[in-house]
């Protein structure tokens, strides 16, 4: 796979500050005073504006780094079906399963918001991202300043908070018991989001927390749950723990 450094790519980049009209209002609604003061963006802002204004339904994707191989194919099929239904995906896309899904989304030019836990400055990106970035089908988002070259616990938490704010509903195909992805599931459920998981033995811990099982051919259920998540979230004090 060939890579290019973002500063050398012909991709629009800018910084938006809290209080500006271009700053996603959902971050302020969700995080309150904890909302980041600024965002680094790479790519056209239309996509994030569409999600922020609820013109686009948004689905967050998260999976444990140790997700078993049998989960991958089912996850890719589900992501493809949801993308063909017109949703935008949002996530950190860090684990192997998530990265495979991101490769699929970028190759097909399906709307995707990638939230990073490090600065976009001098970031190396795959050449395959260039066209969707230019065409407004992919946007990179970071809350970090130019000097933060590596993710930290704080930046990862802020990244996850941004995903929570921007996503209408969640798909978590697999989460290790007691792991970080399970903790993200708990946070999503606490925030009033509907969480969906695949029907396999390893998803028991998520179902016990309150996640819903995805049944084959029932993508419409996930899409409809986005409206429920919005209605519940609007009545929660999401800025408090």
C-alpha atoms as a PDB file:
ATOM      1  CA  UNK A   1       0.000   0.000   0.000  1.00  0.00           C
ATOM      2  CA  UNK A   2       1.371   3.405  -0.996  1.00  0.00           C
ATOM      3  CA  UNK A   3       1.221   6.368   1.384  1.00  0.00           C
ATOM      4  CA  UNK A   4       1.500  10.128   1.071  1.00  0.00           C
ATOM      5  CA  UNK A   5       1.977  12.788   3.732  1.00  0.00           C
ATOM      6  CA  UNK A   6      -1.153  14.870   4.142  1.00  0.00           C
ATOM      7  CA  UNK A   7       0.638  18.256   3.809  1.00  0.00           C
ATOM      8  CA  UNK A   8       1.868  17.149   0.364  1.00  0.00           C
ATOM      9  CA  UNK A   9      -1.581  16.054  -0.811  1.00  0.00           C
ATOM     10  CA  UNK A  10      -3.985  18.285  -2.698  1.00  0.00           C
ATOM     11  CA  UNK A  11      -6.598  18.025   0.055  1.00  0.00           C
ATOM     12  CA  UNK A  12      -8.410  20.925   1.708  1.00  0.00           C
ATOM     13  CA  UNK A  13      -7.318  21.428   5.326  1.00  0.00           C
ATOM     14  CA  UNK A  14      -8.534  23.922   7.868  1.00  0.00           C
ATOM     15  CA  UNK A  15      -9.143  24.527  11.563  1.00  0.00           C
ATOM     16  CA  UNK A  16     -12.560  25.419  12.959  1.00  0.00           C
ATOM     17  CA  UNK A  17     -13.006  26.903  16.411  1.00  0.00           C
ATOM     18  CA  UNK A  18     -15.803  26.492  18.915  1.00  0.00           C
ATOM     19  CA  UNK A  19     -18.267  29.303  18.349  1.00  0.00           C
ATOM     20  CA  UNK A  20     -17.781  29.359  14.579  1.00  0.00           C
ATOM     21  CA  UNK A  21     -20.753  28.323  12.452  1.00  0.00           C
ATOM     22  CA  UNK A  22     -18.666  25.518  10.899  1.00  0.00           C
ATOM     23  CA  UNK A  23     -17.970  23.948  14.318  1.00  0.00           C
ATOM     24  CA  UNK A  24     -20.219  20.878  14.863  1.00  0.00           C
ATOM     25  CA  UNK A  25     -22.959  21.883  17.273  1.00  0.00           C
ATOM     26  CA  UNK A  26     -23.421  18.273  18.324  1.00  0.00           C
ATOM     27  CA  UNK A  27     -20.054  18.351  20.079  1.00  0.00           C
ATOM     28  CA  UNK A  28     -21.124  21.296  22.214  1.00  0.00           C
ATOM     29  CA  UNK A  29     -24.545  19.776  22.922  1.00  0.00           C
ATOM     30  CA  UNK A  30     -22.988  16.471  23.935  1.00  0.00           C
ATOM     31  CA  UNK A  31     -19.851  17.594  25.765  1.00  0.00           C
ATOM     32  CA  UNK A  32     -20.772  21.032  27.052  1.00  0.00           C
ATOM     33  CA  UNK A  33     -17.702  22.743  28.504  1.00  0.00           C
ATOM     34  CA  UNK A  34     -15.602  19.663  27.698  1.00  0.00           C
ATOM     35  CA  UNK A  35     -16.079  20.208  23.971  1.00  0.00           C
ATOM     36  CA  UNK A  36     -12.760  20.791  22.184  1.00  0.00           C
ATOM     37  CA  UNK A  37     -11.839  24.403  21.487  1.00  0.00           C
ATOM     38  CA  UNK A  38     -10.907  23.583  17.914  1.00  0.00           C
ATOM     39  CA  UNK A  39     -10.948  20.847  15.306  1.00  0.00           C
ATOM     40  CA  UNK A  40      -8.435  20.071  12.591  1.00  0.00           C
ATOM     41  CA  UNK A  41     -10.221  18.960   9.422  1.00  0.00           C
ATOM     42  CA  UNK A  42      -8.855  17.378   6.253  1.00  0.00           C
ATOM     43  CA  UNK A  43     -11.351  17.078   3.426  1.00  0.00           C
ATOM     44  CA  UNK A  44     -14.461  18.984   2.452  1.00  0.00           C
ATOM     45  CA  UNK A  45     -16.642  19.951   5.455  1.00  0.00           C
ATOM     46  CA  UNK A  46     -19.938  19.059   3.727  1.00  0.00           C
ATOM     47  CA  UNK A  47     -19.976  15.552   5.168  1.00  0.00           C
ATOM     48  CA  UNK A  48     -19.560  16.532   8.803  1.00  0.00           C
ATOM     49  CA  UNK A  49     -22.082  19.366   8.305  1.00  0.00           C
ATOM     50  CA  UNK A  50     -24.614  16.859   6.951  1.00  0.00           C
ATOM     51  CA  UNK A  51     -24.190  14.627  10.000  1.00  0.00           C
ATOM     52  CA  UNK A  52     -24.219  17.574  12.400  1.00  0.00           C
ATOM     53  CA  UNK A  53     -27.513  18.850  10.961  1.00  0.00           C
ATOM     54  CA  UNK A  54     -29.030  15.318  10.931  1.00  0.00           C
ATOM     55  CA  UNK A  55     -29.441  15.437   7.171  1.00  0.00           C
ATOM     56  CA  UNK A  56     -27.331  12.272   7.109  1.00  0.00           C
ATOM     57  CA  UNK A  57     -27.877   9.332   9.438  1.00  0.00           C
ATOM     58  CA  UNK A  58     -24.642   8.353  11.134  1.00  0.00           C
ATOM     59  CA  UNK A  59     -23.499   4.973  12.419  1.00  0.00           C
ATOM     60  CA  UNK A  60     -20.429   4.504  14.606  1.00  0.00           C
ATOM     61  CA  UNK A  61     -18.349   1.372  14.152  1.00  0.00           C
ATOM     62  CA  UNK A  62     -16.162  -0.066  16.902  1.00  0.00           C
ATOM     63  CA  UNK A  63     -14.628  -3.522  17.399  1.00  0.00           C
ATOM     64  CA  UNK A  64     -12.002  -4.976  19.712  1.00  0.00           C
ATOM     65  CA  UNK A  65      -8.480  -5.372  18.380  1.00  0.00           C
ATOM     66  CA  UNK A  66      -8.698  -9.101  19.109  1.00  0.00           C
ATOM     67  CA  UNK A  67     -11.974  -9.686  17.276  1.00  0.00           C
ATOM     68  CA  UNK A  68     -12.020 -13.269  15.918  1.00  0.00           C
ATOM     69  CA  UNK A  69     -11.699 -13.875  12.182  1.00  0.00           C
ATOM     70  CA  UNK A  70     -15.247 -15.172  11.785  1.00  0.00           C
ATOM     71  CA  UNK A  71     -16.584 -11.758  12.827  1.00  0.00           C
ATOM     72  CA  UNK A  72     -14.833  -9.971   9.965  1.00  0.00           C
ATOM     73  CA  UNK A  73     -16.890 -11.215   7.018  1.00  0.00           C
ATOM     74  CA  UNK A  74     -20.220 -10.597   8.765  1.00  0.00           C
ATOM     75  CA  UNK A  75     -19.073  -7.121   9.787  1.00  0.00           C
ATOM     76  CA  UNK A  76     -17.999  -6.231   6.241  1.00  0.00           C
ATOM     77  CA  UNK A  77     -21.353  -7.423   4.882  1.00  0.00           C
ATOM     78  CA  UNK A  78     -23.274  -5.383   7.456  1.00  0.00           C
ATOM     79  CA  UNK A  79     -21.196  -2.260   6.813  1.00  0.00           C
ATOM     80  CA  UNK A  80     -21.749  -2.646   3.071  1.00  0.00           C
ATOM     81  CA  UNK A  81     -25.521  -2.999   3.511  1.00  0.00           C
ATOM     82  CA  UNK A  82     -25.710   0.045   5.785  1.00  0.00           C
ATOM     83  CA  UNK A  83     -23.530   2.133   3.469  1.00  0.00           C
ATOM     84  CA  UNK A  84     -25.729   1.236   0.502  1.00  0.00           C
ATOM     85  CA  UNK A  85     -28.690   2.488   2.556  1.00  0.00           C
ATOM     86  CA  UNK A  86     -27.121   5.950   2.634  1.00  0.00           C
ATOM     87  CA  UNK A  87     -25.667   6.263   6.142  1.00  0.00           C
ATOM     88  CA  UNK A  88     -22.381   7.948   7.014  1.00  0.00           C
ATOM     89  CA  UNK A  89     -19.939   5.982   9.143  1.00  0.00           C
ATOM     90  CA  UNK A  90     -17.950   7.526  11.971  1.00  0.00           C
ATOM     91  CA  UNK A  91     -15.210   6.073  14.147  1.00  0.00           C
ATOM     92  CA  UNK A  92     -11.566   5.886  15.072  1.00  0.00           C
ATOM     93  CA  UNK A  93     -10.993   2.930  12.714  1.00  0.00           C
ATOM     94  CA  UNK A  94      -8.070   1.682  14.771  1.00  0.00           C
ATOM     95  CA  UNK A  95      -8.599  -2.082  15.174  1.00  0.00           C
ATOM     96  CA  UNK A  96      -7.926  -4.540  12.314  1.00  0.00           C
ATOM     97  CA  UNK A  97     -11.649  -5.145  11.660  1.00  0.00           C
ATOM     98  CA  UNK A  98     -12.345  -1.418  11.645  1.00  0.00           C
ATOM     99  CA  UNK A  99      -9.475  -0.764   9.234  1.00  0.00           C
ATOM    100  CA  UNK A 100     -10.753  -3.412   6.816  1.00  0.00           C
ATOM    101  CA  UNK A 101     -14.151  -1.736   6.921  1.00  0.00           C
ATOM    102  CA  UNK A 102     -12.537   1.655   6.320  1.00  0.00           C
ATOM    103  CA  UNK A 103     -10.693   0.242   3.303  1.00  0.00           C
ATOM    104  CA  UNK A 104     -14.014  -0.982   1.933  1.00  0.00           C
ATOM    105  CA  UNK A 105     -15.761   2.326   2.589  1.00  0.00           C
ATOM    106  CA  UNK A 106     -12.976   4.398   1.013  1.00  0.00           C
ATOM    107  CA  UNK A 107     -12.735   2.161  -2.057  1.00  0.00           C
ATOM    108  CA  UNK A 108     -16.490   2.429  -2.665  1.00  0.00           C
ATOM    109  CA  UNK A 109     -16.565   6.198  -1.916  1.00  0.00           C
ATOM    110  CA  UNK A 110     -19.119   5.761   0.885  1.00  0.00           C
ATOM    111  CA  UNK A 111     -19.384   8.673   3.381  1.00  0.00           C
ATOM    112  CA  UNK A 112     -16.986   8.216   6.295  1.00  0.00           C
ATOM    113  CA  UNK A 113     -15.770  10.415   9.151  1.00  0.00           C
ATOM    114  CA  UNK A 114     -12.464   9.304  10.676  1.00  0.00           C
ATOM    115  CA  UNK A 115     -11.736  10.726  14.131  1.00  0.00           C
ATOM    116  CA  UNK A 116      -8.085  10.541  15.152  1.00  0.00           C
ATOM    117  CA  UNK A 117      -6.381  10.718  18.527  1.00  0.00           C
ATOM    118  CA  UNK A 118      -3.344  12.544  17.125  1.00  0.00           C
ATOM    119  CA  UNK A 119      -2.659  15.626  15.038  1.00  0.00           C
ATOM    120  CA  UNK A 120      -3.305  15.680  11.309  1.00  0.00           C
ATOM    121  CA  UNK A 121      -0.067  17.616  10.812  1.00  0.00           C
ATOM    122  CA  UNK A 122       2.410  15.492   8.833  1.00  0.00           C
ATOM    123  CA  UNK A 123       0.019  12.518   8.913  1.00  0.00           C
ATOM    124  CA  UNK A 124       0.753   9.727   6.413  1.00  0.00           C
ATOM    125  CA  UNK A 125      -2.383   8.519   4.652  1.00  0.00           C
ATOM    126  CA  UNK A 126      -2.976   5.783   2.061  1.00  0.00           C
ATOM    127  CA  UNK A 127      -3.130   6.977  -1.538  1.00  0.00           C
ATOM    128  CA  UNK A 128      -6.550   5.314  -1.719  1.00  0.00           C
ATOM    129  CA  UNK A 129      -7.917   8.006   0.605  1.00  0.00           C
ATOM    130  CA  UNK A 130      -7.046  10.902  -1.686  1.00  0.00           C
ATOM    131  CA  UNK A 131      -9.957  10.702  -4.118  1.00  0.00           C
ATOM    132  CA  UNK A 132     -12.695  10.264  -1.459  1.00  0.00           C
ATOM    133  CA  UNK A 133     -11.126  13.130   0.526  1.00  0.00           C
ATOM    134  CA  UNK A 134     -11.225  15.413  -2.506  1.00  0.00           C
ATOM    135  CA  UNK A 135     -14.741  14.321  -3.494  1.00  0.00           C
ATOM    136  CA  UNK A 136     -16.170  14.922  -0.010  1.00  0.00           C
ATOM    137  CA  UNK A 137     -16.791  11.247   0.762  1.00  0.00           C
ATOM    138  CA  UNK A 138     -14.154  11.094   3.495  1.00  0.00           C
ATOM    139  CA  UNK A 139     -13.108  13.589   6.142  1.00  0.00           C
ATOM    140  CA  UNK A 140     -10.423  13.359   8.826  1.00  0.00           C
ATOM    141  CA  UNK A 141     -11.070  15.021  12.183  1.00  0.00           C
ATOM    142  CA  UNK A 142      -8.715  15.688  15.088  1.00  0.00           C
ATOM    143  CA  UNK A 143      -9.005  17.634  18.323  1.00  0.00           C
ATOM    144  CA  UNK A 144      -5.214  17.642  18.756  1.00  0.00           C
ATOM    145  CA  UNK A 145      -2.760  20.448  18.230  1.00  0.00           C
ATOM    146  CA  UNK A 146       0.095  20.315  15.670  1.00  0.00           C
ATOM    147  CA  UNK A 147       2.672  19.018  18.174  1.00  0.00           C
ATOM    148  CA  UNK A 148       0.744  15.914  19.292  1.00  0.00           C
ATOM    149  CA  UNK A 149       2.192  13.219  17.050  1.00  0.00           C
ATOM    150  CA  UNK A 150       1.010  10.262  19.155  1.00  0.00           C
ATOM    151  CA  UNK A 151      -2.255   9.321  20.794  1.00  0.00           C
ATOM    152  CA  UNK A 152      -2.560   9.637  24.570  1.00  0.00           C
ATOM    153  CA  UNK A 153      -5.221   8.457  27.013  1.00  0.00           C
ATOM    154  CA  UNK A 154      -6.702  11.956  26.996  1.00  0.00           C
ATOM    155  CA  UNK A 155      -6.719  12.315  23.211  1.00  0.00           C
ATOM    156  CA  UNK A 156      -8.247   8.866  22.748  1.00  0.00           C
ATOM    157  CA  UNK A 157     -10.975   9.703  25.231  1.00  0.00           C
ATOM    158  CA  UNK A 158     -11.677  12.955  23.389  1.00  0.00           C
ATOM    159  CA  UNK A 159     -11.705  11.067  20.086  1.00  0.00           C
ATOM    160  CA  UNK A 160     -14.251   8.619  21.504  1.00  0.00           C
ATOM    161  CA  UNK A 161     -16.330  11.505  22.874  1.00  0.00           C
ATOM    162  CA  UNK A 162     -16.433  13.019  19.382  1.00  0.00           C
ATOM    163  CA  UNK A 163     -17.587   9.691  17.945  1.00  0.00           C
ATOM    164  CA  UNK A 164     -20.276   9.453  20.627  1.00  0.00           C
ATOM    165  CA  UNK A 165     -21.470  12.957  19.814  1.00  0.00           C
ATOM    166  CA  UNK A 166     -21.561  12.523  16.045  1.00  0.00           C
ATOM    167  CA  UNK A 167     -23.074   9.025  15.890  1.00  0.00           C
ATOM    168  CA  UNK A 168     -26.821   8.432  15.879  1.00  0.00           C
ATOM    169  CA  UNK A 169     -26.390   4.734  16.653  1.00  0.00           C
ATOM    170  CA  UNK A 170     -23.586   2.204  17.168  1.00  0.00           C
ATOM    171  CA  UNK A 171     -22.526  -1.080  15.616  1.00  0.00           C
ATOM    172  CA  UNK A 172     -20.131  -3.064  17.823  1.00  0.00           C
ATOM    173  CA  UNK A 173     -19.693  -6.508  16.254  1.00  0.00           C
ATOM    174  CA  UNK A 174     -17.357  -7.766  18.978  1.00  0.00           C
ATOM    175  CA  UNK A 175     -15.992  -6.520  22.298  1.00  0.00           C
ATOM    176  CA  UNK A 176     -13.697  -8.320  24.703  1.00  0.00           C
ATOM    177  CA  UNK A 177     -15.151  -8.594  28.207  1.00  0.00           C
ATOM    178  CA  UNK A 178     -13.774  -5.793  30.366  1.00  0.00           C
ATOM    179  CA  UNK A 179     -11.980  -4.159  27.437  1.00  0.00           C
ATOM    180  CA  UNK A 180     -11.979  -0.650  26.001  1.00  0.00           C
ATOM    181  CA  UNK A 181     -14.612  -1.425  23.366  1.00  0.00           C
ATOM    182  CA  UNK A 182     -16.960  -2.753  26.022  1.00  0.00           C
ATOM    183  CA  UNK A 183     -16.392   0.482  27.959  1.00  0.00           C
ATOM    184  CA  UNK A 184     -17.312   2.432  24.807  1.00  0.00           C
ATOM    185  CA  UNK A 185     -20.500   0.367  24.563  1.00  0.00           C
ATOM    186  CA  UNK A 186     -21.380   1.310  28.136  1.00  0.00           C
ATOM    187  CA  UNK A 187     -20.758   4.990  27.376  1.00  0.00           C
ATOM    188  CA  UNK A 188     -22.902   4.833  24.232  1.00  0.00           C
ATOM    189  CA  UNK A 189     -25.800   3.195  26.068  1.00  0.00           C
ATOM    190  CA  UNK A 190     -25.503   5.721  28.896  1.00  0.00           C
ATOM    191  CA  UNK A 191     -25.706   8.496  26.298  1.00  0.00           C
ATOM    192  CA  UNK A 192     -28.993   7.102  25.002  1.00  0.00           C
ATOM    193  CA  UNK A 193     -27.580   5.552  21.842  1.00  0.00           C
ATOM    194  CA  UNK A 194     -28.885   2.226  20.556  1.00  0.00           C
ATOM    195  CA  UNK A 195     -26.021  -0.275  20.227  1.00  0.00           C
ATOM    196  CA  UNK A 196     -26.171  -3.195  17.806  1.00  0.00           C
ATOM    197  CA  UNK A 197     -24.000  -6.299  17.794  1.00  0.00           C
ATOM    198  CA  UNK A 198     -23.701  -9.475  15.743  1.00  0.00           C
ATOM    199  CA  UNK A 199     -25.412 -12.682  16.800  1.00  0.00           C
ATOM    200  CA  UNK A 200     -22.580 -14.894  18.048  1.00  0.00           C
ATOM    201  CA  UNK A 201     -21.450 -16.348  21.368  1.00  0.00           C
ATOM    202  CA  UNK A 202     -18.867 -13.623  21.930  1.00  0.00           C
ATOM    203  CA  UNK A 203     -21.502 -10.888  21.915  1.00  0.00           C
ATOM    204  CA  UNK A 204     -23.138 -12.127  25.118  1.00  0.00           C
ATOM    205  CA  UNK A 205     -21.429  -9.506  27.279  1.00  0.00           C
ATOM    206  CA  UNK A 206     -22.740  -6.709  25.021  1.00  0.00           C
ATOM    207  CA  UNK A 207     -26.279  -8.088  25.016  1.00  0.00           C
ATOM    208  CA  UNK A 208     -26.193  -8.273  28.815  1.00  0.00           C
ATOM    209  CA  UNK A 209     -25.285  -4.575  28.852  1.00  0.00           C
ATOM    210  CA  UNK A 210     -28.262  -3.718  26.651  1.00  0.00           C
ATOM    211  CA  UNK A 211     -27.042  -4.076  23.048  1.00  0.00           C
ATOM    212  CA  UNK A 212     -29.454  -5.303  20.382  1.00  0.00           C
ATOM    213  CA  UNK A 213     -28.756  -8.246  18.088  1.00  0.00           C
ATOM    214  CA  UNK A 214     -28.584  -7.575  14.361  1.00  0.00           C
ATOM    215  CA  UNK A 215     -30.694 -10.068  12.435  1.00  0.00           C
ATOM    216  CA  UNK A 216     -29.853 -10.828   8.794  1.00  0.00           C
ATOM    217  CA  UNK A 217     -31.784  -8.643   6.376  1.00  0.00           C
ATOM    218  CA  UNK A 218     -32.853  -6.259   9.155  1.00  0.00           C
ATOM    219  CA  UNK A 219     -30.713  -3.240   8.311  1.00  0.00           C
ATOM    220  CA  UNK A 220     -33.869  -1.109   8.487  1.00  0.00           C
ATOM    221  CA  UNK A 221     -34.035  -1.776  12.238  1.00  0.00           C
ATOM    222  CA  UNK A 222     -30.645  -0.107  12.692  1.00  0.00           C
ATOM    223  CA  UNK A 223     -31.673   2.872  10.586  1.00  0.00           C
ATOM    224  CA  UNK A 224     -34.899   3.327  12.523  1.00  0.00           C
ATOM    225  CA  UNK A 225     -33.051   3.134  15.834  1.00  0.00           C
ATOM    226  CA  UNK A 226     -31.084   6.243  14.861  1.00  0.00           C
ATOM    227  CA  UNK A 227     -34.253   8.308  15.317  1.00  0.00           C
ATOM    228  CA  UNK A 228     -34.812   6.791  18.773  1.00  0.00           C
ATOM    229  CA  UNK A 229     -31.229   7.605  19.769  1.00  0.00           C
ATOM    230  CA  UNK A 230     -31.672  11.230  18.713  1.00  0.00           C
ATOM    231  CA  UNK A 231     -34.910  11.574  20.679  1.00  0.00           C
ATOM    232  CA  UNK A 232     -33.441  10.080  23.862  1.00  0.00           C
ATOM    233  CA  UNK A 233     -30.136  11.958  23.593  1.00  0.00           C
ATOM    234  CA  UNK A 234     -31.905  15.289  23.287  1.00  0.00           C
ATOM    235  CA  UNK A 235     -33.415  14.779  26.752  1.00  0.00           C
ATOM    236  CA  UNK A 236     -30.243  13.683  28.541  1.00  0.00           C
ATOM    237  CA  UNK A 237     -27.672  15.781  30.338  1.00  0.00           C
ATOM    238  CA  UNK A 238     -24.841  14.353  28.248  1.00  0.00           C
ATOM    239  CA  UNK A 239     -22.167  16.715  29.525  1.00  0.00           C
ATOM    240  CA  UNK A 240     -22.032  15.000  32.910  1.00  0.00           C
ATOM    241  CA  UNK A 241     -20.580  11.631  33.913  1.00  0.00           C
END
